[in-house]
Structures are given as structure tokens and as C-alpha cells.
């Protein structure tokens, strides 16, 4: 199908969503896997909690059309 989003495009969608949601400058992608027609993008981003640096891990599921289906963010 010509309208399926590429691995790189899915990764970019996930990075932009995490940057916007967490107001983060830097987002590190650790893995991009395909499950059926969806892309699962996993990684970490630094956050500032009351003046202390912490790291959060995220998992974003991007559909084959490039839409975010779900996002899960947890403190490491």
C-alpha cells in the first residue's frame, strides 16, 4: 500500500508528540518495531521535577496512516 507510513516517519511523529506533550527539547528513541500495521516507538526523554533531573520512558503506537493510537509515559 502506497499510503502506509514509513519507519522514519512513524519515529518522527512519535518524537514530535512526546516533545509537545512533555515540553522536552531532547527525545531519545531506543527502538522502533512493527506490530501488524502499527509502529511501536520506544525511548526516553529527560524531565525536570522540582529542580531535579529525571528520565521518563515512553511508548507511542503510530498507525499505518501516521496517527498516534496510544501513548504511555512512565517515570524510570
Protein backbone atom coordinates (compact mmCIF):
# COMPACT_ATOMS: atom_id res chain seq x y z
CA UNK A 1 0.00 0.00 0.00
CA UNK A 2 1.41 3.36 -1.00
CA UNK A 3 -0.26 5.26 1.84
CA UNK A 4 1.49 3.37 4.66
CA UNK A 5 3.78 5.49 6.80
CA UNK A 6 7.48 4.59 6.83
CA UNK A 7 9.51 3.63 9.89
CA UNK A 8 11.29 7.00 9.81
CA UNK A 9 8.03 8.94 9.51
CA UNK A 10 6.47 6.99 12.41
CA UNK A 11 9.54 7.72 14.54
CA UNK A 12 9.30 11.44 13.71
CA UNK A 13 5.58 11.53 14.59
CA UNK A 14 6.30 9.90 17.96
CA UNK A 15 9.21 12.25 18.74
CA UNK A 16 7.13 15.35 17.93
CA UNK A 17 4.21 14.15 20.08
CA UNK A 18 6.47 13.42 23.07
CA UNK A 19 8.28 16.77 22.68
CA UNK A 20 4.96 18.64 22.63
CA UNK A 21 3.35 16.67 25.45
CA UNK A 22 6.34 16.76 27.81
CA UNK A 23 7.75 20.13 26.67
CA UNK A 24 11.07 18.35 26.15
CA UNK A 25 13.93 19.57 23.98
CA UNK A 26 15.57 16.16 23.63
CA UNK A 27 13.90 12.83 22.96
CA UNK A 28 15.95 9.66 22.52
CA UNK A 29 14.45 6.79 20.52
CA UNK A 30 15.65 3.35 21.61
CA UNK A 31 13.59 1.09 19.34
CA UNK A 32 11.05 1.17 16.54
CA UNK A 33 9.18 -2.09 15.97
CA UNK A 34 6.33 -3.03 13.68
CA UNK A 35 3.30 -4.92 15.01
CA UNK A 36 0.77 -5.76 12.29
CA UNK A 37 0.22 -2.40 10.57
CA UNK A 38 1.27 -0.27 13.58
CA UNK A 39 4.67 1.10 14.53
CA UNK A 40 5.71 0.98 18.19
CA UNK A 41 8.27 3.64 19.09
CA UNK A 42 10.05 3.37 22.46
CA UNK A 43 12.56 5.67 24.08
CA UNK A 44 13.32 8.16 26.83
CA UNK A 45 13.17 11.87 27.50
CA UNK A 46 14.61 13.96 30.34
CA UNK A 47 12.28 15.97 32.56
CA UNK A 48 12.76 18.44 35.41
CA UNK A 49 10.83 17.63 38.58
CA UNK A 50 11.07 20.43 41.10
CA UNK A 51 14.61 21.25 40.06
CA UNK A 52 15.79 17.64 39.88
CA UNK A 53 16.55 15.89 36.57
CA UNK A 54 14.65 12.65 35.95
CA UNK A 55 14.15 10.41 32.97
CA UNK A 56 10.85 9.19 31.61
CA UNK A 57 10.38 6.29 29.24
CA UNK A 58 7.72 6.36 26.57
CA UNK A 59 5.96 4.06 24.17
CA UNK A 60 3.98 5.55 21.29
CA UNK A 61 1.89 3.44 18.92
CA UNK A 62 1.58 5.04 15.46
CA UNK A 63 -0.92 3.69 12.93
CA UNK A 64 -0.05 2.89 9.34
CA UNK A 65 -1.70 6.21 8.42
CA UNK A 66 0.67 8.17 10.71
CA UNK A 67 -1.82 8.84 13.52
CA UNK A 68 -0.99 8.30 17.19
CA UNK A 69 -3.14 5.45 18.51
CA UNK A 70 -1.80 5.44 22.06
CA UNK A 71 0.97 6.84 24.21
CA UNK A 72 2.31 5.59 27.52
CA UNK A 73 4.85 7.57 29.56
CA UNK A 74 6.36 6.35 32.83
CA UNK A 75 8.99 7.67 35.20
CA UNK A 76 12.11 5.50 35.27
